[in-house]
Amino acid sequence: MSKIALLTDSTANLPVELIVKHDIHVVPLKIQWGDDSLIDGVTISSDAFYARLETDPLIPTTSQPSMMDFLQMYEKLAADYDSILVMLIASGISGTVASATAAAAEFDTVPVEIVDTSTTSAGLAMVVLAAVRALAAGCDLAETAVRVRAVSDAMSLIFVVNTLKYLHRGGRIGGASRYLGTMLSIKPILAFKGTVEPVTRVRGMKKAMAHLVDMVVEQSGDEPLQVALLHSKAPDLAEQLQQMLASKLKMDQIYTFDLSPVIGTHVGTGAVGLAFYPTQVG
């Protein structure tokens, strides 16, 4: 039976225990913070990042892995695997897919299948875990890629941010720019499917989270879901959201993920939300 390597990027921010348990490989994105060149999740942790973000007047910037970063990873994996399945952050907000694709064009040792998941963070993490389940079920590379793309297509990611200033200054604000300049008590609810899109504005975080729950209920009804919560230095909010969801939804599986430093650069602290898709999809 052929051995398939699973490769993703650091914005999935999968916990180390899942990475080790499921033999997942990660190419990190990068952060430039003043004179400091940092590697997402490697030379700076989520906790250290958010602590600095709240006090440092300098504005960090982010960048994708280079073509060479991917080429080196492909060469490393080819020594132990027969093919590579690459699942990456949406190309609409990052050049990561472009770097991976350019590297694959220069590499022919083993087959490389690249999936632009059109999501990130908890959404990307769940796509990767869907690939894990597909391999466990005996799927080959093509079959696993089909499942992964189906999950990516079915994935919804919705969240509320404490402020839009980070999305604005990082250039990832998209259509949500219409919400700039609102009062601090007004919380923008956003959706992500390839790019950031505005949903509505709600007064106060509690009402905003209730609106997130209502959106999921409206979209899924009684359908069992795979759910992953996401937050940026807001574990209490994530716990509250989980309790609110549990009272109204059928959830076959629920995870909680921190937002990685690269994603945190663009949303700031105090963001909370979730990614979800119907269990039957994969």
Protein backbone atom coordinates (compact mmCIF):
# COMPACT_ATOMS: atom_id res chain seq x y z
CA MET A 1 0.00 0.00 0.00
CA SER A 2 1.39 3.41 -0.96
CA LYS A 3 2.37 5.80 1.80
CA ILE A 4 0.90 9.31 1.52
CA ALA A 5 2.38 12.34 3.28
CA LEU A 6 -0.03 14.97 4.60
CA LEU A 7 1.38 18.49 4.37
CA THR A 8 -0.27 21.71 5.51
CA ASP A 9 0.79 25.19 6.58
CA SER A 10 1.14 26.78 10.00
CA THR A 11 -2.10 28.77 9.84
CA ALA A 12 -3.96 25.54 10.64
CA ASN A 13 -2.22 25.79 14.03
CA LEU A 14 -2.78 22.14 14.79
CA PRO A 15 -1.74 21.13 18.32
CA VAL A 16 1.54 19.23 18.53
CA GLU A 17 -0.22 16.13 19.85
CA LEU A 18 -2.39 15.89 16.71
CA ILE A 19 0.59 16.56 14.43
CA VAL A 20 2.56 13.75 16.07
CA LYS A 21 -0.36 11.32 16.38
CA HIS A 22 -1.39 11.63 12.74
CA ASP A 23 2.04 12.15 11.15
CA ILE A 24 1.16 15.59 9.76
CA HIS A 25 3.86 17.82 8.26
CA VAL A 26 3.82 21.61 8.37
CA VAL A 27 5.41 24.38 6.29
CA PRO A 28 5.39 27.59 8.36
CA LEU A 29 4.52 31.07 7.20
CA LYS A 30 6.66 34.02 8.31
CA ILE A 31 6.29 37.19 10.35
CA GLN A 32 8.43 40.32 10.15
CA TRP A 33 8.16 42.41 13.31
CA GLY A 34 10.49 45.36 13.18
CA ASP A 35 13.97 43.85 13.01
CA ASP A 36 12.71 40.42 14.10
CA SER A 37 12.22 37.75 11.45
CA LEU A 38 9.95 35.14 13.02
CA ILE A 39 8.66 31.74 11.94
CA ASP A 40 4.98 31.12 12.64
CA GLY A 41 4.57 28.66 15.50
CA VAL A 42 8.30 27.82 15.51
CA THR A 43 10.24 30.81 16.82
CA ILE A 44 7.17 32.50 18.29
CA SER A 45 4.22 30.82 20.00
CA SER A 46 0.64 32.05 20.00
CA ASP A 47 0.88 33.09 23.66
CA ALA A 48 4.09 35.06 23.13
CA PHE A 49 2.73 36.64 19.97
CA TYR A 50 -0.50 37.94 21.49
CA ALA A 51 1.28 39.23 24.59
CA ARG A 52 3.61 41.28 22.39
CA LEU A 53 0.83 42.39 20.03
CA GLU A 54 -0.98 44.15 22.86
CA THR A 55 2.05 46.23 23.88
CA ASP A 56 4.33 46.64 20.85
CA PRO A 57 3.62 49.78 18.76
CA LEU A 58 5.32 48.20 15.74
CA ILE A 59 3.02 46.58 13.19
CA PRO A 60 4.00 43.03 12.17
CA THR A 61 3.67 41.87 8.59
CA THR A 62 3.32 38.35 7.23
CA SER A 63 4.57 36.44 4.21
CA GLN A 64 4.11 33.04 2.63
CA PRO A 65 6.72 30.27 2.54
CA SER A 66 9.02 30.49 -0.45
CA MET A 67 9.09 28.10 -3.37
CA MET A 68 12.37 26.78 -1.97
CA ASP A 69 10.74 26.11 1.42
CA PHE A 70 8.25 23.84 -0.30
CA LEU A 71 10.80 22.24 -2.59
CA GLN A 72 12.98 21.30 0.37
CA MET A 73 9.96 19.86 2.18
CA TYR A 74 8.94 17.83 -0.89
CA GLU A 75 12.45 16.42 -1.17
CA LYS A 76 12.48 15.51 2.52
CA LEU A 77 9.10 13.78 2.35
CA ALA A 78 9.96 11.91 -0.85
CA ALA A 79 12.54 9.93 1.10
CA ASP A 80 9.81 8.26 3.18
CA TYR A 81 6.56 8.61 1.22
CA ASP A 82 5.20 7.61 -2.17
CA SER A 83 3.12 10.76 -2.72
CA ILE A 84 2.30 14.09 -1.04
CA LEU A 85 -1.08 15.70 -0.39
CA VAL A 86 -0.72 19.43 0.27
CA MET A 87 -3.61 21.34 1.92
CA LEU A 88 -3.13 25.08 2.23
CA ILE A 89 -4.54 28.44 3.28
CA ALA A 90 -6.86 30.11 0.77
CA SER A 91 -5.05 31.60 -2.21
CA GLY A 92 -7.32 34.64 -1.95
CA ILE A 93 -5.40 35.91 1.08
CA SER A 94 -1.98 34.30 0.75
CA GLY A 95 0.58 33.37 -1.87
CA THR A 96 1.24 30.05 -0.14
CA VAL A 97 -0.57 27.99 -2.79
CA ALA A 98 1.41 29.79 -5.50
CA SER A 99 4.71 28.91 -3.81
CA ALA A 100 3.66 25.28 -3.38
CA THR A 101 2.55 25.05 -7.00
CA ALA A 102 5.77 26.58 -8.31
CA ALA A 103 7.80 24.10 -6.27
CA ALA A 104 5.73 21.16 -7.52
CA ALA A 105 6.46 22.20 -11.10
CA GLU A 106 10.17 21.73 -10.38
CA PHE A 107 9.73 18.41 -8.56
CA ASP A 108 9.01 15.00 -10.07
CA THR A 109 10.33 12.47 -7.56
CA VAL A 110 6.86 11.57 -6.25
CA PRO A 111 3.36 12.83 -7.14
CA VAL A 112 2.28 16.05 -5.39
CA GLU A 113 -1.41 16.98 -5.13
CA ILE A 114 -2.10 20.57 -4.02
CA VAL A 115 -5.46 21.65 -2.60
CA ASP A 116 -6.40 25.30 -2.23
CA THR A 117 -8.84 24.84 0.66
CA SER A 118 -10.38 28.34 0.43
CA THR A 119 -10.19 28.46 4.23
CA THR A 120 -7.65 28.80 7.03
CA SER A 121 -7.23 28.41 10.79
CA ALA A 122 -9.75 25.96 12.27
CA GLY A 123 -11.26 25.38 8.84
CA LEU A 124 -7.91 24.29 7.43
CA ALA A 125 -7.27 22.15 10.51
CA MET A 126 -10.52 20.28 9.94
CA VAL A 127 -9.72 19.74 6.27
CA VAL A 128 -6.43 18.12 7.31
CA LEU A 129 -8.19 15.93 9.87
CA ALA A 130 -10.64 14.85 7.16
CA ALA A 131 -7.62 13.72 5.14
CA VAL A 132 -6.41 11.75 8.17
CA ARG A 133 -9.74 9.92 8.33
CA ALA A 134 -9.69 9.23 4.59
CA LEU A 135 -6.25 7.63 4.81
CA ALA A 136 -7.35 5.59 7.82
CA ALA A 137 -10.26 4.31 5.70
CA GLY A 138 -7.80 3.10 3.07
CA CYS A 139 -8.23 5.85 0.47
CA ASP A 140 -5.48 6.42 -2.08
CA LEU A 141 -4.13 9.85 -3.04
CA ALA A 142 -6.83 10.64 -5.61
CA GLU A 143 -9.66 9.47 -3.36
CA THR A 144 -8.31 11.42 -0.39
CA ALA A 145 -7.98 14.56 -2.51
CA VAL A 146 -11.61 14.20 -3.62
CA ARG A 147 -12.75 13.98 0.01
CA VAL A 148 -10.58 16.91 1.03
CA ARG A 149 -11.98 19.10 -1.73
CA ALA A 150 -15.53 18.10 -0.79
CA VAL A 151 -14.90 19.11 2.83
CA SER A 152 -13.27 22.35 1.70
CA ASP A 153 -16.29 23.17 -0.46
CA ALA A 154 -18.70 22.41 2.39
CA MET A 155 -16.72 24.33 5.02
CA SER A 156 -18.13 27.46 6.60
CA LEU A 157 -16.04 29.78 8.75
CA ILE A 158 -17.68 32.63 10.65
CA PHE A 159 -16.24 34.81 13.36
CA VAL A 160 -16.50 38.07 15.26
CA VAL A 161 -13.55 40.40 15.79
CA ASN A 162 -13.03 42.82 18.63
CA THR A 163 -11.77 45.44 16.17
CA LEU A 164 -11.27 45.76 12.42
CA LYS A 165 -8.03 47.72 12.67
CA TYR A 166 -5.79 44.67 12.18
CA LEU A 167 -7.64 43.42 9.10
CA HIS A 168 -7.58 46.96 7.72
CA ARG A 169 -3.90 47.63 8.18
CA GLY A 170 -2.96 44.16 6.93
CA GLY A 171 -4.91 44.62 3.71
CA ARG A 172 -7.11 41.54 4.26
CA ILE A 173 -10.31 43.39 5.10
CA GLY A 174 -12.13 42.81 1.81
CA GLY A 175 -15.78 43.82 1.78
CA ALA A 176 -15.75 44.31 5.54
CA SER A 177 -14.24 47.76 4.95
CA ARG A 178 -17.78 49.11 5.10
CA TYR A 179 -17.73 48.45 8.85
CA LEU A 180 -14.69 50.62 9.56
CA GLY A 181 -15.24 53.50 11.93
CA THR A 182 -18.05 51.86 13.91
CA MET A 183 -18.33 52.28 17.68
CA LEU A 184 -16.17 50.05 19.87
CA SER A 185 -19.26 48.34 21.27
CA ILE A 186 -20.34 47.32 17.76
CA LYS A 187 -18.85 43.94 16.86
CA PRO A 188 -18.48 43.04 13.17
CA ILE A 189 -19.48 39.51 12.24
CA LEU A 190 -17.50 38.21 9.28
CA ALA A 191 -17.43 35.14 7.08
CA PHE A 192 -14.43 33.65 5.33
CA LYS A 193 -14.63 31.66 2.11
CA GLY A 194 -11.55 32.49 0.12
CA THR A 195 -11.68 36.10 1.30
CA VAL A 196 -13.13 38.00 4.26
CA GLU A 197 -16.73 39.09 3.74
CA PRO A 198 -19.04 41.12 6.00
CA VAL A 199 -22.17 39.53 7.47
CA THR A 200 -23.60 42.08 9.90
CA ARG A 201 -22.84 44.21 12.95
CA VAL A 202 -24.10 43.50 16.46
CA ARG A 203 -23.86 45.50 19.67
CA GLY A 204 -21.80 43.63 22.25
CA MET A 205 -19.85 40.38 22.15
CA LYS A 206 -22.54 38.26 23.82
CA LYS A 207 -25.11 39.19 21.16
CA ALA A 208 -22.49 38.67 18.47
CA MET A 209 -21.82 35.11 19.63
CA ALA A 210 -25.56 34.43 19.82
CA HIS A 211 -25.80 35.59 16.22
CA LEU A 212 -23.04 33.16 15.23
CA VAL A 213 -25.01 30.32 16.80
CA ASP A 214 -28.18 31.41 15.01
CA MET A 215 -26.29 31.43 11.70
CA VAL A 216 -25.12 27.85 12.22
CA VAL A 217 -28.60 26.66 13.23
CA GLU A 218 -30.16 28.37 10.22
CA GLN A 219 -27.63 26.84 7.86
CA SER A 220 -27.50 23.31 9.28
CA GLY A 221 -30.81 22.66 11.02
CA ASP A 222 -30.73 19.21 12.64
CA GLU A 223 -27.84 17.97 10.51
CA PRO A 224 -24.92 16.54 12.55
CA LEU A 225 -21.82 18.71 12.25
CA GLN A 226 -18.08 18.64 12.58
CA VAL A 227 -17.21 21.83 14.48
CA ALA A 228 -13.99 23.60 15.40
CA LEU A 229 -13.95 26.71 17.56
CA LEU A 230 -11.30 29.36 17.01
CA HIS A 231 -10.13 32.26 19.12
CA SER A 232 -7.29 34.74 19.55
CA LYS A 233 -6.33 34.94 23.22
CA ALA A 234 -10.00 34.53 24.18
CA PRO A 235 -10.42 31.01 25.61
CA ASP A 236 -13.27 32.14 27.87
CA LEU A 237 -15.23 33.38 24.85
CA ALA A 238 -14.56 30.11 23.03
CA GLU A 239 -15.85 28.16 26.02
CA GLN A 240 -18.99 30.31 26.18
CA LEU A 241 -19.55 29.81 22.46
CA GLN A 242 -19.17 26.05 22.83
CA GLN A 243 -21.82 25.97 25.56
CA MET A 244 -24.18 28.04 23.42
CA LEU A 245 -23.66 25.72 20.46
CA ALA A 246 -24.11 22.56 22.52
CA SER A 247 -27.59 23.63 23.58
CA LYS A 248 -28.81 24.00 19.98
CA LEU A 249 -26.79 21.77 17.67
CA LYS A 250 -25.94 18.15 16.97
CA MET A 251 -22.15 18.06 16.98
CA ASP A 252 -20.40 14.78 16.22
CA GLN A 253 -17.00 16.28 16.94
CA ILE A 254 -15.81 19.60 18.35
CA TYR A 255 -12.29 20.98 18.58
CA THR A 256 -10.89 24.28 19.83
CA PHE A 257 -7.92 25.94 18.13
CA ASP A 258 -5.94 29.09 18.86
CA LEU A 259 -5.45 31.40 15.91
CA SER A 260 -1.84 31.18 14.77
CA PRO A 261 0.41 34.25 15.02
CA VAL A 262 0.13 34.83 11.26
CA ILE A 263 -3.67 34.90 11.40
CA GLY A 264 -3.56 36.84 14.67
CA THR A 265 -1.58 39.54 12.88
CA HIS A 266 -4.69 40.24 10.82
CA VAL A 267 -7.46 39.86 13.43
CA GLY A 268 -5.86 40.97 16.71
CA THR A 269 -6.83 39.69 20.14
CA GLY A 270 -10.34 38.94 21.30
CA ALA A 271 -11.64 37.30 18.12
CA VAL A 272 -13.84 34.21 18.40
CA GLY A 273 -15.73 32.06 15.93
CA LEU A 274 -16.06 28.63 14.43
CA ALA A 275 -15.62 26.51 11.35
CA PHE A 276 -18.12 23.78 10.56
CA TYR A 277 -19.39 21.40 7.91
CA PRO A 278 -21.88 18.50 7.71
CA THR A 279 -20.44 15.24 9.05
CA GLN A 280 -21.81 13.29 6.08
CA VAL A 281 -19.47 15.15 3.71
CA GLY A 282 -16.36 13.59 5.19
